[in-house]
Amino acid sequence: PLLVGGFAFSGRLPGEGFAGFPPARLVLPE
């Protein structure tokens, strides 16, 4: 199994982040 997702270059993004994605998000998929 793998974790998939990504990181923003900046730790703080304006508003809710880019298209709703937080600065760091990894998912363990089903």
Full PDB file with SEQRES, HELIX, SHEET, SSBOND, CRYST1, ORIGX, SCALE, CONECT and MASTER records, all heavy atoms in Angstrom:
SEQRES   1 A   30  PRO LEU LEU VAL GLY GLY PHE ALA PHE SER GLY ARG LEU          
SEQRES   2 A   30  PRO GLY GLU GLY PHE ALA GLY PHE PRO PRO ALA ARG LEU          
SEQRES   3 A   30  VAL LEU PRO GLU                                              
SHEET    1 AA1 2 VAL A   4  PHE A   7  0                                        
SHEET    2 AA1 2 ALA A  24  VAL A  27 -1                                        
CRYST1    1.000    1.000    1.000  90.00  90.00  90.00 P 1           1          
ORIGX1      1.000000  0.000000  0.000000        0.00000                         
ORIGX2      0.000000  1.000000  0.000000        0.00000                         
ORIGX3      0.000000  0.000000  1.000000        0.00000                         
SCALE1      1.000000  0.000000  0.000000        0.00000                         
SCALE2      0.000000  1.000000  0.000000        0.00000                         
SCALE3      0.000000  0.000000  1.000000        0.00000                         
ATOM      1  N   PRO A   1       0.823  -1.216   0.000  1.00  0.00           N  
ATOM      2  CA  PRO A   1       0.000   0.000   0.000  1.00  0.00           C  
ATOM      3  C   PRO A   1       0.857   1.266   0.000  1.00  0.00           C  
ATOM      4  O   PRO A   1       1.979   1.254   0.481  1.00  0.00           O  
ATOM      5  CB  PRO A   1      -0.800  -0.137   1.305  1.00  0.00           C  
ATOM      6  CG  PRO A   1       0.076  -0.981   2.188  1.00  0.00           C  
ATOM      7  CD  PRO A   1       0.759  -1.956   1.277  1.00  0.00           C  
ATOM      8  N   LEU A   2       0.279   2.339  -0.518  1.00  0.00           N  
ATOM      9  CA  LEU A   2       0.953   3.629  -0.589  1.00  0.00           C  
ATOM     10  C   LEU A   2       0.021   4.722  -0.080  1.00  0.00           C  
ATOM     11  O   LEU A   2      -1.199   4.582  -0.127  1.00  0.00           O  
ATOM     12  CB  LEU A   2       1.349   3.972  -2.032  1.00  0.00           C  
ATOM     13  CG  LEU A   2       2.267   3.013  -2.783  1.00  0.00           C  
ATOM     14  CD1 LEU A   2       2.429   3.483  -4.224  1.00  0.00           C  
ATOM     15  CD2 LEU A   2       3.624   2.910  -2.103  1.00  0.00           C  
ATOM     16  N   LEU A   3       0.618   5.806   0.365  1.00  0.00           N  
ATOM     17  CA  LEU A   3      -0.129   7.035   0.624  1.00  0.00           C  
ATOM     18  C   LEU A   3       0.040   7.947  -0.582  1.00  0.00           C  
ATOM     19  O   LEU A   3       1.145   8.085  -1.114  1.00  0.00           O  
ATOM     20  CB  LEU A   3       0.380   7.731   1.890  1.00  0.00           C  
ATOM     21  CG  LEU A   3      -0.006   7.028   3.189  1.00  0.00           C  
ATOM     22  CD1 LEU A   3       1.083   7.183   4.225  1.00  0.00           C  
ATOM     23  CD2 LEU A   3      -1.326   7.584   3.717  1.00  0.00           C  
ATOM     24  N   VAL A   4      -1.040   8.556  -1.036  1.00  0.00           N  
ATOM     25  CA  VAL A   4      -0.988   9.418  -2.220  1.00  0.00           C  
ATOM     26  C   VAL A   4      -1.510  10.801  -1.840  1.00  0.00           C  
ATOM     27  O   VAL A   4      -2.335  10.956  -0.942  1.00  0.00           O  
ATOM     28  CB  VAL A   4      -1.827   8.837  -3.375  1.00  0.00           C  
ATOM     29  CG1 VAL A   4      -1.269   7.495  -3.810  1.00  0.00           C  
ATOM     30  CG2 VAL A   4      -3.289   8.678  -2.974  1.00  0.00           C  
ATOM     31  N   GLY A   5      -1.013  11.815  -2.538  1.00  0.00           N  
ATOM     32  CA  GLY A   5      -1.447  13.185  -2.251  1.00  0.00           C  
ATOM     33  C   GLY A   5      -0.369  14.171  -2.625  1.00  0.00           C  
ATOM     34  O   GLY A   5       0.360  13.957  -3.602  1.00  0.00           O  
ATOM     35  N   GLY A   6      -0.230  15.227  -1.840  1.00  0.00           N  
ATOM     36  CA  GLY A   6       0.778  16.216  -2.195  1.00  0.00           C  
ATOM     37  C   GLY A   6       0.938  17.304  -1.159  1.00  0.00           C  
ATOM     38  O   GLY A   6       0.206  17.379  -0.160  1.00  0.00           O  
ATOM     39  N   PHE A   7       1.933  18.162  -1.411  1.00  0.00           N  
ATOM     40  CA  PHE A   7       2.282  19.281  -0.539  1.00  0.00           C  
ATOM     41  C   PHE A   7       2.302  20.568  -1.347  1.00  0.00           C  
ATOM     42  O   PHE A   7       2.676  20.560  -2.520  1.00  0.00           O  
ATOM     43  CB  PHE A   7       3.679  19.080   0.055  1.00  0.00           C  
ATOM     44  CG  PHE A   7       3.814  17.898   0.965  1.00  0.00           C  
ATOM     45  CD1 PHE A   7       4.072  16.638   0.446  1.00  0.00           C  
ATOM     46  CD2 PHE A   7       3.699  18.045   2.332  1.00  0.00           C  
ATOM     47  CE1 PHE A   7       4.204  15.538   1.276  1.00  0.00           C  
ATOM     48  CE2 PHE A   7       3.841  16.948   3.177  1.00  0.00           C  
ATOM     49  CZ  PHE A   7       4.088  15.698   2.651  1.00  0.00           C  
ATOM     50  N   ALA A   8       1.942  21.649  -0.711  1.00  0.00           N  
ATOM     51  CA  ALA A   8       2.148  22.973  -1.301  1.00  0.00           C  
ATOM     52  C   ALA A   8       3.562  23.437  -0.960  1.00  0.00           C  
ATOM     53  O   ALA A   8       4.139  23.021   0.044  1.00  0.00           O  
ATOM     54  CB  ALA A   8       1.126  23.959  -0.760  1.00  0.00           C  
ATOM     55  N   PHE A   9       4.119  24.305  -1.797  1.00  0.00           N  
ATOM     56  CA  PHE A   9       5.434  24.845  -1.488  1.00  0.00           C  
ATOM     57  C   PHE A   9       5.379  25.761  -0.268  1.00  0.00           C  
ATOM     58  O   PHE A   9       6.324  25.864   0.490  1.00  0.00           O  
ATOM     59  CB  PHE A   9       5.994  25.612  -2.691  1.00  0.00           C  
ATOM     60  CG  PHE A   9       6.551  24.722  -3.758  1.00  0.00           C  
ATOM     61  CD1 PHE A   9       5.792  24.358  -4.851  1.00  0.00           C  
ATOM     62  CD2 PHE A   9       7.832  24.210  -3.651  1.00  0.00           C  
ATOM     63  CE1 PHE A   9       6.298  23.513  -5.824  1.00  0.00           C  
ATOM     64  CE2 PHE A   9       8.352  23.366  -4.622  1.00  0.00           C  
ATOM     65  CZ  PHE A   9       7.578  23.018  -5.712  1.00  0.00           C  
ATOM     66  N   SER A  10       4.256  26.437  -0.092  1.00  0.00           N  
ATOM     67  CA  SER A  10       4.079  27.327   1.056  1.00  0.00           C  
ATOM     68  C   SER A  10       3.252  26.629   2.120  1.00  0.00           C  
ATOM     69  O   SER A  10       2.293  25.919   1.814  1.00  0.00           O  
ATOM     70  CB  SER A  10       3.377  28.623   0.626  1.00  0.00           C  
ATOM     71  OG  SER A  10       3.043  29.403   1.760  1.00  0.00           O  
ATOM     72  N   GLY A  11       3.632  26.856   3.381  1.00  0.00           N  
ATOM     73  CA  GLY A  11       2.886  26.253   4.480  1.00  0.00           C  
ATOM     74  C   GLY A  11       1.589  26.946   4.788  1.00  0.00           C  
ATOM     75  O   GLY A  11       0.721  26.401   5.474  1.00  0.00           O  
ATOM     76  N   ARG A  12       1.420  28.167   4.299  1.00  0.00           N  
ATOM     77  CA  ARG A  12       0.192  28.918   4.554  1.00  0.00           C  
ATOM     78  C   ARG A  12      -0.364  29.408   3.222  1.00  0.00           C  
ATOM     79  O   ARG A  12       0.319  30.104   2.469  1.00  0.00           O  
ATOM     80  CB  ARG A  12       0.459  30.116   5.478  1.00  0.00           C  
ATOM     81  CG  ARG A  12       0.670  29.718   6.918  1.00  0.00           C  
ATOM     82  CD  ARG A  12       0.756  30.946   7.808  1.00  0.00           C  
ATOM     83  NE  ARG A  12       1.968  31.708   7.531  1.00  0.00           N  
ATOM     84  CZ  ARG A  12       3.125  31.477   8.129  1.00  0.00           C  
ATOM     85  NH1 ARG A  12       3.239  30.523   9.001  1.00  0.00           N  
ATOM     86  NH2 ARG A  12       4.191  32.211   7.846  1.00  0.00           N  
ATOM     87  N   LEU A  13      -1.575  29.045   2.927  1.00  0.00           N  
ATOM     88  CA  LEU A  13      -2.225  29.449   1.694  1.00  0.00           C  
ATOM     89  C   LEU A  13      -3.391  30.367   2.002  1.00  0.00           C  
ATOM     90  O   LEU A  13      -4.058  30.217   3.033  1.00  0.00           O  
ATOM     91  CB  LEU A  13      -2.733  28.220   0.930  1.00  0.00           C  
ATOM     92  CG  LEU A  13      -1.657  27.248   0.446  1.00  0.00           C  
ATOM     93  CD1 LEU A  13      -2.308  26.044  -0.200  1.00  0.00           C  
ATOM     94  CD2 LEU A  13      -0.736  27.932  -0.540  1.00  0.00           C  
ATOM     95  N   PRO A  14      -3.671  31.338   1.154  1.00  0.00           N  
ATOM     96  CA  PRO A  14      -4.775  32.263   1.417  1.00  0.00           C  
ATOM     97  C   PRO A  14      -6.114  31.552   1.367  1.00  0.00           C  
ATOM     98  O   PRO A  14      -6.318  30.596   0.615  1.00  0.00           O  
ATOM     99  CB  PRO A  14      -4.651  33.283   0.274  1.00  0.00           C  
ATOM    100  CG  PRO A  14      -3.934  32.549  -0.811  1.00  0.00           C  
ATOM    101  CD  PRO A  14      -2.980  31.630  -0.104  1.00  0.00           C  
ATOM    102  N   GLY A  15      -7.035  32.033   2.193  1.00  0.00           N  
ATOM    103  CA  GLY A  15      -8.388  31.479   2.189  1.00  0.00           C  
ATOM    104  C   GLY A  15      -8.379  30.017   2.560  1.00  0.00           C  
ATOM    105  O   GLY A  15      -7.780  29.598   3.537  1.00  0.00           O  
ATOM    106  N   GLU A  16      -9.027  29.201   1.751  1.00  0.00           N  
ATOM    107  CA  GLU A  16      -9.113  27.767   2.015  1.00  0.00           C  
ATOM    108  C   GLU A  16      -8.050  26.976   1.269  1.00  0.00           C  
ATOM    109  O   GLU A  16      -8.116  25.758   1.177  1.00  0.00           O  
ATOM    110  CB  GLU A  16     -10.505  27.259   1.616  1.00  0.00           C  
ATOM    111  CG  GLU A  16     -11.635  27.882   2.422  1.00  0.00           C  
ATOM    112  CD  GLU A  16     -12.973  27.318   2.016  1.00  0.00           C  
ATOM    113  OE1 GLU A  16     -13.022  26.528   1.045  1.00  0.00           O  
ATOM    114  OE2 GLU A  16     -13.970  27.664   2.658  1.00  0.00           O  
ATOM    115  N   GLY A  17      -7.057  27.661   0.743  1.00  0.00           N  
ATOM    116  CA  GLY A  17      -6.010  26.947   0.021  1.00  0.00           C  
ATOM    117  C   GLY A  17      -6.332  26.848  -1.451  1.00  0.00           C  
ATOM    118  O   GLY A  17      -7.353  27.315  -1.925  1.00  0.00           O  
ATOM    119  N   PHE A  18      -5.428  26.231  -2.187  1.00  0.00           N  
ATOM    120  CA  PHE A  18      -5.582  26.113  -3.632  1.00  0.00           C  
ATOM    121  C   PHE A  18      -6.682  25.118  -3.950  1.00  0.00           C  
ATOM    122  O   PHE A  18      -6.568  23.925  -3.650  1.00  0.00           O  
ATOM    123  CB  PHE A  18      -4.258  25.682  -4.256  1.00  0.00           C  
ATOM    124  CG  PHE A  18      -4.359  25.394  -5.722  1.00  0.00           C  
ATOM    125  CD1 PHE A  18      -4.531  26.422  -6.629  1.00  0.00           C  
ATOM    126  CD2 PHE A  18      -4.316  24.103  -6.196  1.00  0.00           C  
ATOM    127  CE1 PHE A  18      -4.637  26.167  -7.980  1.00  0.00           C  
ATOM    128  CE2 PHE A  18      -4.429  23.825  -7.536  1.00  0.00           C  
ATOM    129  CZ  PHE A  18      -4.585  24.872  -8.434  1.00  0.00           C  
ATOM    130  N   ALA A  19      -7.760  25.594  -4.552  1.00  0.00           N  
ATOM    131  CA  ALA A  19      -8.886  24.746  -4.967  1.00  0.00           C  
ATOM    132  C   ALA A  19      -9.387  23.865  -3.830  1.00  0.00           C  
ATOM    133  O   ALA A  19      -9.863  22.759  -4.046  1.00  0.00           O  
ATOM    134  CB  ALA A  19      -8.480  23.883  -6.161  1.00  0.00           C  
ATOM    135  N   GLY A  20      -9.272  24.377  -2.580  1.00  0.00           N  
ATOM    136  CA  GLY A  20      -9.760  23.610  -1.446  1.00  0.00           C  
ATOM    137  C   GLY A  20      -8.777  22.601  -0.886  1.00  0.00           C  
ATOM    138  O   GLY A  20      -9.103  21.896   0.067  1.00  0.00           O  
ATOM    139  N   PHE A  21      -7.558  22.515  -1.443  1.00  0.00           N  
ATOM    140  CA  PHE A  21      -6.567  21.571  -0.934  1.00  0.00           C  
ATOM    141  C   PHE A  21      -5.729  22.228   0.163  1.00  0.00           C  
ATOM    142  O   PHE A  21      -5.252  23.347  -0.010  1.00  0.00           O  
ATOM    143  CB  PHE A  21      -5.642  21.103  -2.055  1.00  0.00           C  
ATOM    144  CG  PHE A  21      -6.325  20.282  -3.112  1.00  0.00           C  
ATOM    145  CD1 PHE A  21      -6.791  20.865  -4.269  1.00  0.00           C  
ATOM    146  CD2 PHE A  21      -6.507  18.922  -2.937  1.00  0.00           C  
ATOM    147  CE1 PHE A  21      -7.428  20.123  -5.248  1.00  0.00           C  
ATOM    148  CE2 PHE A  21      -7.148  18.158  -3.909  1.00  0.00           C  
ATOM    149  CZ  PHE A  21      -7.609  18.757  -5.062  1.00  0.00           C  
ATOM    150  N   PRO A  22      -5.505  21.558   1.284  1.00  0.00           N  
ATOM    151  CA  PRO A  22      -4.663  22.118   2.345  1.00  0.00           C  
ATOM    152  C   PRO A  22      -3.192  22.078   1.950  1.00  0.00           C  
ATOM    153  O   PRO A  22      -2.824  21.430   0.963  1.00  0.00           O  
ATOM    154  CB  PRO A  22      -4.949  21.190   3.538  1.00  0.00           C  
ATOM    155  CG  PRO A  22      -5.351  19.894   2.924  1.00  0.00           C  
ATOM    156  CD  PRO A  22      -6.064  20.244   1.638  1.00  0.00           C  
ATOM    157  N   PRO A  23      -2.299  22.728   2.730  1.00  0.00           N  
ATOM    158  CA  PRO A  23      -0.869  22.747   2.376  1.00  0.00           C  
ATOM    159  C   PRO A  23      -0.203  21.376   2.365  1.00  0.00           C  
ATOM    160  O   PRO A  23       0.822  21.205   1.724  1.00  0.00           O  
ATOM    161  CB  PRO A  23      -0.259  23.652   3.455  1.00  0.00           C  
ATOM    162  CG  PRO A  23      -1.378  24.535   3.880  1.00  0.00           C  
ATOM    163  CD  PRO A  23      -2.603  23.675   3.823  1.00  0.00           C  
ATOM    164  N   ALA A  24      -0.757  20.410   3.084  1.00  0.00           N  
ATOM    165  CA  ALA A  24      -0.225  19.044   3.044  1.00  0.00           C  
ATOM    166  C   ALA A  24      -1.383  18.086   3.231  1.00  0.00           C  
ATOM    167  O   ALA A  24      -2.153  18.215   4.182  1.00  0.00           O  
ATOM    168  CB  ALA A  24       0.822  18.829   4.128  1.00  0.00           C  
ATOM    169  N   ARG A  25      -1.482  17.114   2.334  1.00  0.00           N  
ATOM    170  CA  ARG A  25      -2.579  16.141   2.435  1.00  0.00           C  
ATOM    171  C   ARG A  25      -2.162  14.830   1.782  1.00  0.00           C  
ATOM    172  O   ARG A  25      -1.831  14.793   0.600  1.00  0.00           O  
ATOM    173  CB  ARG A  25      -3.845  16.667   1.759  1.00  0.00           C  
ATOM    174  CG  ARG A  25      -5.077  15.796   2.013  1.00  0.00           C  
ATOM    175  CD  ARG A  25      -6.334  16.485   1.458  1.00  0.00           C  
ATOM    176  NE  ARG A  25      -7.544  15.876   1.975  1.00  0.00           N  
ATOM    177  CZ  ARG A  25      -8.176  14.845   1.406  1.00  0.00           C  
ATOM    178  NH1 ARG A  25      -7.697  14.325   0.304  1.00  0.00           N  
ATOM    179  NH2 ARG A  25      -9.269  14.363   1.947  1.00  0.00           N  
ATOM    180  N   LEU A  26      -2.158  13.759   2.577  1.00  0.00           N  
ATOM    181  CA  LEU A  26      -1.884  12.415   2.074  1.00  0.00           C  
ATOM    182  C   LEU A  26      -3.049  11.507   2.446  1.00  0.00           C  
ATOM    183  O   LEU A  26      -3.624  11.637   3.522  1.00  0.00           O  
ATOM    184  CB  LEU A  26      -0.585  11.862   2.655  1.00  0.00           C  
ATOM    185  CG  LEU A  26       0.722  12.539   2.227  1.00  0.00           C  
ATOM    186  CD1 LEU A  26       1.912  11.840   2.878  1.00  0.00           C  
ATOM    187  CD2 LEU A  26       0.884  12.545   0.719  1.00  0.00           C  
ATOM    188  N   VAL A  27      -3.366  10.590   1.551  1.00  0.00           N  
ATOM    189  CA  VAL A  27      -4.521   9.707   1.718  1.00  0.00           C  
ATOM    190  C   VAL A  27      -4.068   8.259   1.596  1.00  0.00           C  
ATOM    191  O   VAL A  27      -3.298   7.912   0.692  1.00  0.00           O  
ATOM    192  CB  VAL A  27      -5.592  10.014   0.643  1.00  0.00           C  
ATOM    193  CG1 VAL A  27      -6.678   8.954   0.632  1.00  0.00           C  
ATOM    194  CG2 VAL A  27      -6.191  11.392   0.871  1.00  0.00           C  
ATOM    195  N   LEU A  28      -4.543   7.419   2.508  1.00  0.00           N  
ATOM    196  CA  LEU A  28      -4.401   5.978   2.361  1.00  0.00           C  
ATOM    197  C   LEU A  28      -5.645   5.498   1.635  1.00  0.00           C  
ATOM    198  O   LEU A  28      -6.736   5.480   2.196  1.00  0.00           O  
ATOM    199  CB  LEU A  28      -4.286   5.302   3.731  1.00  0.00           C  
ATOM    200  CG  LEU A  28      -4.146   3.776   3.727  1.00  0.00           C  
ATOM    201  CD1 LEU A  28      -2.849   3.351   3.043  1.00  0.00           C  
ATOM    202  CD2 LEU A  28      -4.215   3.221   5.143  1.00  0.00           C  
ATOM    203  N   PRO A  29      -5.533   5.124   0.346  1.00  0.00           N  
ATOM    204  CA  PRO A  29      -6.721   4.815  -0.449  1.00  0.00           C  
ATOM    205  C   PRO A  29      -7.291   3.428  -0.146  1.00  0.00           C  
ATOM    206  O   PRO A  29      -6.567   2.533   0.290  1.00  0.00           O  
ATOM    207  CB  PRO A  29      -6.219   4.896  -1.893  1.00  0.00           C  
ATOM    208  CG  PRO A  29      -4.768   4.546  -1.793  1.00  0.00           C  
ATOM    209  CD  PRO A  29      -4.294   5.057  -0.463  1.00  0.00           C  
ATOM    210  N   GLU A  30      -8.576   3.284  -0.435  1.00  0.00           N  
ATOM    211  CA  GLU A  30      -9.215   1.986  -0.287  1.00  0.00           C  
ATOM    212  C   GLU A  30      -8.807   1.066  -1.429  1.00  0.00           C  
ATOM    213  O   GLU A  30      -8.610  -0.128  -1.240  1.00  0.00           O  
ATOM    214  CB  GLU A  30     -10.735   2.153  -0.260  1.00  0.00           C  
ATOM    215  CG  GLU A  30     -11.488   0.884   0.104  1.00  0.00           C  
ATOM    216  CD  GLU A  30     -12.970   1.127   0.284  1.00  0.00           C  
ATOM    217  OE1 GLU A  30     -13.627   1.499  -0.705  1.00  0.00           O  
ATOM    218  OE2 GLU A  30     -13.467   0.947   1.413  1.00  0.00           O  
TER     219      GLU A  30                                                      
MASTER        0    0    0    0    2    0    0    6  218    1    0    3          
END                                                                             
